[in-house]
Amino acid sequence: MWTCPMWFGRAPWYRGYWNITPWIFNVILLGIAVFFILYIISKSNVSRLSTGDTAIDILRRKYAEGEITKEEFQKKLEDLKS
């Protein structure tokens, strides 16, 4: 077997702390990646789900834009409130 006199016959990765260091580094990187992925997903769900448009808001917008008449608005508003 080839030995390196600088390491007294053993390569540095044979020592215990050399074996665990890459695993710790990989676990930390994986944790950071998972955090950012979940953060991005949560932000996209919040923006998609919380538009602030309730049924009454949509009804008011349709009435304001002239898509429905006053009678239709009042009838549908009563249906929504009951």
Foldseek 3Di string as FASTA:
>chain_A
DDADVVVPRDDPCVDDVNVCVVVVVVVVVVVVVVVVVVVVVVVVVCVVPPPVDDPLNVLVVCVVVPVDDPVVSVVVVVVVVD
